Amino acid sequence: VTQPPSMSANPQETIQITCSGISSSYAYVGWYQQKVPGTGPVTVIYNDNQSPSGIPSRFSGSNSGSTATLTITGVQ
């Protein structure tokens, strides 16, 4: 799969992070946030577009079948 090595955004902007080249053999995609190095990641999206309880609604996900996208609306 291919992801951008890095991205930048200004506060309150909307950003989309893509993961392309997904094989159809993978049923679902998850996205994870790591705020502090050395601590465990937090799941922000699972099963392509589901958000765990407590995750802000500004995180959303989609999957076209070959490319998954994480959208963050109102970057902080």
PDB file of N, CA and C in Angstrom:
ATOM      1  N   VAL A   1       0.846  -1.194   0.000  1.00  0.00           N
ATOM      2  CA  VAL A   1       0.000   0.000   0.000  1.00  0.00           C
ATOM      3  C   VAL A   1       0.882   1.244   0.000  1.00  0.00           C
ATOM      4  N   THR A   2       0.309   2.369  -0.372  1.00  0.00           N
ATOM      5  CA  THR A   2       1.046   3.626  -0.466  1.00  0.00           C
ATOM      6  C   THR A   2       0.321   4.710   0.316  1.00  0.00           C
ATOM      7  N   GLN A   3       1.075   5.376   1.184  1.00  0.00           N
ATOM      8  CA  GLN A   3       0.572   6.525   1.925  1.00  0.00           C
ATOM      9  C   GLN A   3       1.553   7.674   1.751  1.00  0.00           C
ATOM     10  N   PRO A   4       1.079   8.911   1.887  1.00  0.00           N
ATOM     11  CA  PRO A   4       2.017  10.036   1.832  1.00  0.00           C
ATOM     12  C   PRO A   4       2.966   9.965   3.022  1.00  0.00           C
ATOM     13  N   PRO A   5       4.256  10.255   2.815  1.00  0.00           N
ATOM     14  CA  PRO A   5       5.216  10.179   3.920  1.00  0.00           C
ATOM     15  C   PRO A   5       4.947  11.206   5.006  1.00  0.00           C
ATOM     16  N   SER A   6       4.404  12.350   4.618  1.00  0.00           N
ATOM     17  CA  SER A   6       4.068  13.383   5.602  1.00  0.00           C
ATOM     18  C   SER A   6       3.056  14.334   4.978  1.00  0.00           C
ATOM     19  N   MET A   7       2.340  15.022   5.849  1.00  0.00           N
ATOM     20  CA  MET A   7       1.384  16.027   5.399  1.00  0.00           C
ATOM     21  C   MET A   7       1.381  17.148   6.421  1.00  0.00           C
ATOM     22  N   SER A   8       0.946  18.317   5.983  1.00  0.00           N
ATOM     23  CA  SER A   8       0.836  19.438   6.908  1.00  0.00           C
ATOM     24  C   SER A   8      -0.469  20.165   6.639  1.00  0.00           C
ATOM     25  N   ALA A   9      -0.959  20.847   7.651  1.00  0.00           N
ATOM     26  CA  ALA A   9      -2.208  21.590   7.517  1.00  0.00           C
ATOM     27  C   ALA A   9      -2.226  22.702   8.549  1.00  0.00           C
ATOM     28  N   ASN A  10      -2.982  23.717   8.252  1.00  0.00           N
ATOM     29  CA  ASN A  10      -3.201  24.800   9.200  1.00  0.00           C
ATOM     30  C   ASN A  10      -4.419  24.476  10.062  1.00  0.00           C
ATOM     31  N   PRO A  11      -4.477  25.056  11.257  1.00  0.00           N
ATOM     32  CA  PRO A  11      -5.638  24.819  12.122  1.00  0.00           C
ATOM     33  C   PRO A  11      -6.949  25.139  11.408  1.00  0.00           C
ATOM     34  N   GLN A  12      -7.926  24.293  11.635  1.00  0.00           N
ATOM     35  CA  GLN A  12      -9.290  24.404  11.106  1.00  0.00           C
ATOM     36  C   GLN A  12      -9.423  24.009   9.634  1.00  0.00           C
ATOM     37  N   GLU A  13      -8.321  23.675   8.982  1.00  0.00           N
ATOM     38  CA  GLU A  13      -8.414  23.176   7.614  1.00  0.00           C
ATOM     39  C   GLU A  13      -8.950  21.743   7.610  1.00  0.00           C
ATOM     40  N   THR A  14      -9.427  21.324   6.449  1.00  0.00           N
ATOM     41  CA  THR A  14      -9.820  19.935   6.243  1.00  0.00           C
ATOM     42  C   THR A  14      -8.719  19.238   5.459  1.00  0.00           C
ATOM     43  N   ILE A  15      -8.324  18.070   5.930  1.00  0.00           N
ATOM     44  CA  ILE A  15      -7.235  17.335   5.294  1.00  0.00           C
ATOM     45  C   ILE A  15      -7.707  15.913   4.999  1.00  0.00           C
ATOM     46  N   GLN A  16      -7.219  15.366   3.898  1.00  0.00           N
ATOM     47  CA  GLN A  16      -7.525  13.989   3.536  1.00  0.00           C
ATOM     48  C   GLN A  16      -6.229  13.209   3.398  1.00  0.00           C
ATOM     49  N   ILE A  17      -6.146  12.103   4.105  1.00  0.00           N
ATOM     50  CA  ILE A  17      -4.987  11.216   4.047  1.00  0.00           C
ATOM     51  C   ILE A  17      -5.435   9.944   3.337  1.00  0.00           C
ATOM     52  N   THR A  18      -4.720   9.578   2.295  1.00  0.00           N
ATOM     53  CA  THR A  18      -5.125   8.419   1.507  1.00  0.00           C
ATOM     54  C   THR A  18      -4.175   7.244   1.705  1.00  0.00           C
ATOM     55  N   CYS A  19      -4.713   6.075   1.507  1.00  0.00           N
ATOM     56  CA  CYS A  19      -3.952   4.833   1.508  1.00  0.00           C
ATOM     57  C   CYS A  19      -4.387   4.072   0.261  1.00  0.00           C
ATOM     58  N   SER A  20      -3.517   4.039  -0.730  1.00  0.00           N
ATOM     59  CA  SER A  20      -3.887   3.452  -2.019  1.00  0.00           C
ATOM     60  C   SER A  20      -3.209   2.102  -2.226  1.00  0.00           C
ATOM     61  N   GLY A  21      -3.726   1.364  -3.194  1.00  0.00           N
ATOM     62  CA  GLY A  21      -3.168   0.057  -3.501  1.00  0.00           C
ATOM     63  C   GLY A  21      -3.658  -1.038  -2.586  1.00  0.00           C
ATOM     64  N   ILE A  22      -4.838  -0.832  -2.000  1.00  0.00           N
ATOM     65  CA  ILE A  22      -5.397  -1.822  -1.088  1.00  0.00           C
ATOM     66  C   ILE A  22      -5.885  -3.029  -1.888  1.00  0.00           C
ATOM     67  N   SER A  23      -5.536  -4.203  -1.418  1.00  0.00           N
ATOM     68  CA  SER A  23      -6.001  -5.427  -2.070  1.00  0.00           C
ATOM     69  C   SER A  23      -7.438  -5.715  -1.671  1.00  0.00           C
ATOM     70  N   SER A  24      -8.204  -6.252  -2.595  1.00  0.00           N
ATOM     71  CA  SER A  24      -9.592  -6.590  -2.295  1.00  0.00           C
ATOM     72  C   SER A  24      -9.697  -7.707  -1.265  1.00  0.00           C
ATOM     73  N   SER A  25      -8.581  -8.365  -0.976  1.00  0.00           N
ATOM     74  CA  SER A  25      -8.609  -9.437   0.023  1.00  0.00           C
ATOM     75  C   SER A  25      -8.681  -8.884   1.443  1.00  0.00           C
ATOM     76  N   TYR A  26      -8.422  -7.585   1.582  1.00  0.00           N
ATOM     77  CA  TYR A  26      -8.544  -6.954   2.891  1.00  0.00           C
ATOM     78  C   TYR A  26      -9.957  -6.391   3.021  1.00  0.00           C
ATOM     79  N   ALA A  27     -10.679  -6.862   4.010  1.00  0.00           N
ATOM     80  CA  ALA A  27     -12.087  -6.495   4.114  1.00  0.00           C
ATOM     81  C   ALA A  27     -12.291  -5.067   4.613  1.00  0.00           C
ATOM     82  N   TYR A  28     -11.492  -4.656   5.584  1.00  0.00           N
ATOM     83  CA  TYR A  28     -11.714  -3.355   6.210  1.00  0.00           C
ATOM     84  C   TYR A  28     -10.392  -2.641   6.459  1.00  0.00           C
ATOM     85  N   VAL A  29     -10.488  -1.319   6.604  1.00  0.00           N
ATOM     86  CA  VAL A  29      -9.314  -0.483   6.882  1.00  0.00           C
ATOM     87  C   VAL A  29      -9.536   0.240   8.201  1.00  0.00           C
ATOM     88  N   GLY A  30      -8.480   0.376   8.972  1.00  0.00           N
ATOM     89  CA  GLY A  30      -8.527   1.148  10.208  1.00  0.00           C
ATOM     90  C   GLY A  30      -7.499   2.266  10.172  1.00  0.00           C
ATOM     91  N   TRP A  31      -7.778   3.315  10.912  1.00  0.00           N
ATOM     92  CA  TRP A  31      -6.870   4.454  11.023  1.00  0.00           C
ATOM     93  C   TRP A  31      -6.577   4.706  12.501  1.00  0.00           C
ATOM     94  N   TYR A  32      -5.335   5.081  12.769  1.00  0.00           N
ATOM     95  CA  TYR A  32      -4.880   5.199  14.151  1.00  0.00           C
ATOM     96  C   TYR A  32      -4.152   6.520  14.351  1.00  0.00           C
ATOM     97  N   GLN A  33      -4.303   7.065  15.543  1.00  0.00           N
ATOM     98  CA  GLN A  33      -3.654   8.329  15.896  1.00  0.00           C
ATOM     99  C   GLN A  33      -2.666   8.071  17.028  1.00  0.00           C
ATOM    100  N   GLN A  34      -1.456   8.574  16.850  1.00  0.00           N
ATOM    101  CA  GLN A  34      -0.464   8.500  17.924  1.00  0.00           C
ATOM    102  C   GLN A  34      -0.018   9.918  18.244  1.00  0.00           C
ATOM    103  N   LYS A  35      -0.432  10.411  19.404  1.00  0.00           N
ATOM    104  CA  LYS A  35      -0.133  11.787  19.784  1.00  0.00           C
ATOM    105  C   LYS A  35       1.242  11.917  20.426  1.00  0.00           C
ATOM    106  N   VAL A  36       1.579  10.941  21.266  1.00  0.00           N
ATOM    107  CA  VAL A  36       2.821  11.025  22.036  1.00  0.00           C
ATOM    108  C   VAL A  36       3.689   9.816  21.712  1.00  0.00           C
ATOM    109  N   PRO A  37       4.907  10.049  21.211  1.00  0.00           N
ATOM    110  CA  PRO A  37       5.798   8.917  20.949  1.00  0.00           C
ATOM    111  C   PRO A  37       6.004   8.079  22.205  1.00  0.00           C
ATOM    112  N   GLY A  38       6.019   6.784  22.027  1.00  0.00           N
ATOM    113  CA  GLY A  38       6.213   5.897  23.162  1.00  0.00           C
ATOM    114  C   GLY A  38       4.921   5.431  23.804  1.00  0.00           C
ATOM    115  N   THR A  39       3.805   6.013  23.389  1.00  0.00           N
ATOM    116  CA  THR A  39       2.510   5.564  23.893  1.00  0.00           C
ATOM    117  C   THR A  39       1.777   4.812  22.788  1.00  0.00           C
ATOM    118  N   GLY A  40       0.789   4.065  23.170  1.00  0.00           N
ATOM    119  CA  GLY A  40       0.055   3.276  22.196  1.00  0.00           C
ATOM    120  C   GLY A  40      -0.828   4.127  21.305  1.00  0.00           C
ATOM    121  N   PRO A  41      -1.080   3.665  20.087  1.00  0.00           N
ATOM    122  CA  PRO A  41      -1.962   4.403  19.178  1.00  0.00           C
ATOM    123  C   PRO A  41      -3.420   4.283  19.605  1.00  0.00           C
ATOM    124  N   VAL A  42      -4.210   5.246  19.172  1.00  0.00           N
ATOM    125  CA  VAL A  42      -5.649   5.270  19.440  1.00  0.00           C
ATOM    126  C   VAL A  42      -6.382   5.031  18.121  1.00  0.00           C
ATOM    127  N   THR A  43      -7.303   4.121  18.101  1.00  0.00           N
ATOM    128  CA  THR A  43      -8.114   3.879  16.906  1.00  0.00           C
ATOM    129  C   THR A  43      -9.093   5.027  16.719  1.00  0.00           C
ATOM    130  N   VAL A  44      -9.049   5.665  15.556  1.00  0.00           N
ATOM    131  CA  VAL A  44     -10.012   6.730  15.262  1.00  0.00           C
ATOM    132  C   VAL A  44     -11.068   6.277  14.256  1.00  0.00           C
ATOM    133  N   ILE A  45     -10.718   5.291  13.416  1.00  0.00           N
ATOM    134  CA  ILE A  45     -11.663   4.717  12.455  1.00  0.00           C
ATOM    135  C   ILE A  45     -11.387   3.214  12.363  1.00  0.00           C
ATOM    136  N   TYR A  46     -12.445   2.417  12.345  1.00  0.00           N
ATOM    137  CA  TYR A  46     -12.310   0.980  12.088  1.00  0.00           C
ATOM    138  C   TYR A  46     -13.399   0.564  11.100  1.00  0.00           C
ATOM    139  N   ASN A  47     -13.224  -0.598  10.490  1.00  0.00           N
ATOM    140  CA  ASN A  47     -14.197  -1.078   9.490  1.00  0.00           C
ATOM    141  C   ASN A  47     -14.502  -0.018   8.432  1.00  0.00           C
ATOM    142  N   ASP A  48     -13.467   0.634   7.956  1.00  0.00           N
ATOM    143  CA  ASP A  48     -13.542   1.641   6.887  1.00  0.00           C
ATOM    144  C   ASP A  48     -14.083   2.990   7.339  1.00  0.00           C
ATOM    145  N   ASN A  49     -15.199   2.991   8.073  1.00  0.00           N
ATOM    146  CA  ASN A  49     -15.867   4.267   8.346  1.00  0.00           C
ATOM    147  C   ASN A  49     -16.553   4.354   9.707  1.00  0.00           C
ATOM    148  N   GLN A  50     -16.208   3.429  10.599  1.00  0.00           N
ATOM    149  CA  GLN A  50     -16.823   3.428  11.928  1.00  0.00           C
ATOM    150  C   GLN A  50     -15.909   4.108  12.945  1.00  0.00           C
ATOM    151  N   SER A  51     -16.501   4.888  13.835  1.00  0.00           N
ATOM    152  CA  SER A  51     -15.729   5.596  14.857  1.00  0.00           C
ATOM    153  C   SER A  51     -16.009   4.997  16.229  1.00  0.00           C
ATOM    154  N   PRO A  52     -14.966   4.684  16.983  1.00  0.00           N
ATOM    155  CA  PRO A  52     -15.191   4.216  18.351  1.00  0.00           C
ATOM    156  C   PRO A  52     -15.826   5.309  19.206  1.00  0.00           C
ATOM    157  N   SER A  53     -16.442   4.904  20.266  1.00  0.00           N
ATOM    158  CA  SER A  53     -17.024   5.857  21.202  1.00  0.00           C
ATOM    159  C   SER A  53     -15.951   6.807  21.720  1.00  0.00           C
ATOM    160  N   GLY A  54     -16.284   8.088  21.759  1.00  0.00           N
ATOM    161  CA  GLY A  54     -15.362   9.080  22.293  1.00  0.00           C
ATOM    162  C   GLY A  54     -14.473   9.741  21.263  1.00  0.00           C
ATOM    163  N   ILE A  55     -14.486   9.250  20.031  1.00  0.00           N
ATOM    164  CA  ILE A  55     -13.682   9.860  18.969  1.00  0.00           C
ATOM    165  C   ILE A  55     -14.477  11.017  18.365  1.00  0.00           C
ATOM    166  N   PRO A  56     -13.859  12.191  18.249  1.00  0.00           N
ATOM    167  CA  PRO A  56     -14.583  13.348  17.711  1.00  0.00           C
ATOM    168  C   PRO A  56     -15.106  13.103  16.298  1.00  0.00           C
ATOM    169  N   SER A  57     -16.234  13.719  15.985  1.00  0.00           N
ATOM    170  CA  SER A  57     -16.871  13.520  14.683  1.00  0.00           C
ATOM    171  C   SER A  57     -16.076  14.132  13.540  1.00  0.00           C
ATOM    172  N   ARG A  58     -15.032  14.900  13.854  1.00  0.00           N
ATOM    173  CA  ARG A  58     -14.224  15.474  12.772  1.00  0.00           C
ATOM    174  C   ARG A  58     -13.406  14.412  12.038  1.00  0.00           C
ATOM    175  N   PHE A  59     -13.294  13.223  12.613  1.00  0.00           N
ATOM    176  CA  PHE A  59     -12.618  12.108  11.947  1.00  0.00           C
ATOM    177  C   PHE A  59     -13.659  11.278  11.199  1.00  0.00           C
ATOM    178  N   SER A  60     -13.429  11.060   9.913  1.00  0.00           N
ATOM    179  CA  SER A  60     -14.321  10.197   9.137  1.00  0.00           C
ATOM    180  C   SER A  60     -13.498   9.399   8.134  1.00  0.00           C
ATOM    181  N   GLY A  61     -14.022   8.266   7.739  1.00  0.00           N
ATOM    182  CA  GLY A  61     -13.287   7.398   6.827  1.00  0.00           C
ATOM    183  C   GLY A  61     -14.152   6.897   5.696  1.00  0.00           C
ATOM    184  N   SER A  62     -13.493   6.531   4.601  1.00  0.00           N
ATOM    185  CA  SER A  62     -14.183   5.927   3.467  1.00  0.00           C
ATOM    186  C   SER A  62     -13.227   4.969   2.776  1.00  0.00           C
ATOM    187  N   ASN A  63     -13.796   4.080   1.960  1.00  0.00           N
ATOM    188  CA  ASN A  63     -12.986   3.104   1.235  1.00  0.00           C
ATOM    189  C   ASN A  63     -13.660   2.813  -0.100  1.00  0.00           C
ATOM    190  N   SER A  64     -12.958   3.140  -1.179  1.00  0.00           N
ATOM    191  CA  SER A  64     -13.507   2.936  -2.525  1.00  0.00           C
ATOM    192  C   SER A  64     -13.286   1.520  -3.035  1.00  0.00           C
ATOM    193  N   GLY A  65     -12.529   0.739  -2.299  1.00  0.00           N
ATOM    194  CA  GLY A  65     -12.193  -0.610  -2.741  1.00  0.00           C
ATOM    195  C   GLY A  65     -10.722  -0.764  -3.030  1.00  0.00           C
ATOM    196  N   SER A  66     -10.091   0.288  -3.553  1.00  0.00           N
ATOM    197  CA  SER A  66      -8.644   0.261  -3.783  1.00  0.00           C
ATOM    198  C   SER A  66      -7.933   1.390  -3.050  1.00  0.00           C
ATOM    199  N   THR A  67      -8.686   2.399  -2.616  1.00  0.00           N
ATOM    200  CA  THR A  67      -8.111   3.527  -1.889  1.00  0.00           C
ATOM    201  C   THR A  67      -8.982   3.862  -0.687  1.00  0.00           C
ATOM    202  N   ALA A  68      -8.359   3.900   0.476  1.00  0.00           N
ATOM    203  CA  ALA A  68      -9.047   4.320   1.693  1.00  0.00           C
ATOM    204  C   ALA A  68      -8.639   5.752   2.008  1.00  0.00           C
ATOM    205  N   THR A  69      -9.565   6.501   2.569  1.00  0.00           N
ATOM    206  CA  THR A  69      -9.317   7.904   2.874  1.00  0.00           C
ATOM    207  C   THR A  69      -9.763   8.220   4.291  1.00  0.00           C
ATOM    208  N   LEU A  70      -8.883   8.876   5.016  1.00  0.00           N
ATOM    209  CA  LEU A  70      -9.227   9.451   6.314  1.00  0.00           C
ATOM    210  C   LEU A  70      -9.381  10.948   6.120  1.00  0.00           C
ATOM    211  N   THR A  71     -10.517  11.484   6.490  1.00  0.00           N
ATOM    212  CA  THR A  71     -10.762  12.917   6.413  1.00  0.00           C
ATOM    213  C   THR A  71     -10.818  13.482   7.823  1.00  0.00           C
ATOM    214  N   ILE A  72     -10.053  14.535   8.046  1.00  0.00           N
ATOM    215  CA  ILE A  72     -10.088  15.250   9.323  1.00  0.00           C
ATOM    216  C   ILE A  72     -10.613  16.644   9.029  1.00  0.00           C
ATOM    217  N   THR A  73     -11.773  16.935   9.545  1.00  0.00           N
ATOM    218  CA  THR A  73     -12.418  18.224   9.323  1.00  0.00           C
ATOM    219  C   THR A  73     -12.141  19.129  10.518  1.00  0.00           C
ATOM    220  N   GLY A  74     -11.483  20.235  10.264  1.00  0.00           N
ATOM    221  CA  GLY A  74     -11.131  21.133  11.359  1.00  0.00           C
ATOM    222  C   GLY A  74      -9.933  20.618  12.125  1.00  0.00           C
ATOM    223  N   VAL A  75      -8.800  20.565  11.440  1.00  0.00           N
ATOM    224  CA  VAL A  75      -7.564  20.077  12.052  1.00  0.00           C
ATOM    225  C   VAL A  75      -7.229  20.912  13.288  1.00  0.00           C
ATOM    226  N   GLN A  76      -6.766  20.242  14.319  1.00  0.00           N
ATOM    227  CA  GLN A  76      -6.348  20.932  15.543  1.00  0.00           C
ATOM    228  C   GLN A  76      -4.855  20.771  15.747  1.00  0.00           C
TER     229      GLN A  76
END
